[in-house]
């Protein structure tokens, strides 16, 4: 949290300890709560943000839409991982997938590219269960999002604000 980071920094300064180097929290198109205070602290204090779950357990790839539950997928193997399957999360996911497809982008790569584009992000922690997913995630580094895509991402976010905090 912003308070936690600032408290740590104050104690490090007071006791001449090393400054915090990075923060690892979940961050994705479905959970942008980091932008509410913490992002500014990290940016201004020069602390790298290393977000994990940029695909929201793979949800933002679109593979779970319309009730799909692919064999050996994370949500099939771990059904309690429902954080990104809220009603508004499903609606937002469909909108993000539709935007990616309309823009000629892979939905997973668009989601990762968005996270990586944020000025407070030092690096993105990706997860993959097979080589195909890993190749796609790594390939997101070469994806540049247009201003129109950013604008449409903002419109979706504003209509369905942080559906999966």
Foldseek 3Di string as FASTA:
>chain_A
DLVVLVVQQVVCVVVVHDHAAEDEEADWLQAHCCVVRVLVSLLVVVHAYAYEDLCLQVVLLVCCAPNHDDPPRPCVVPVVSCLQVDPLSNVLSVQLCVLQVVVVHRRLLVTLLVVVPDSRHPYYDYDDDDPVRVVSNVCSVVDDDDVVSVVSSVVSCVVRPNVRD
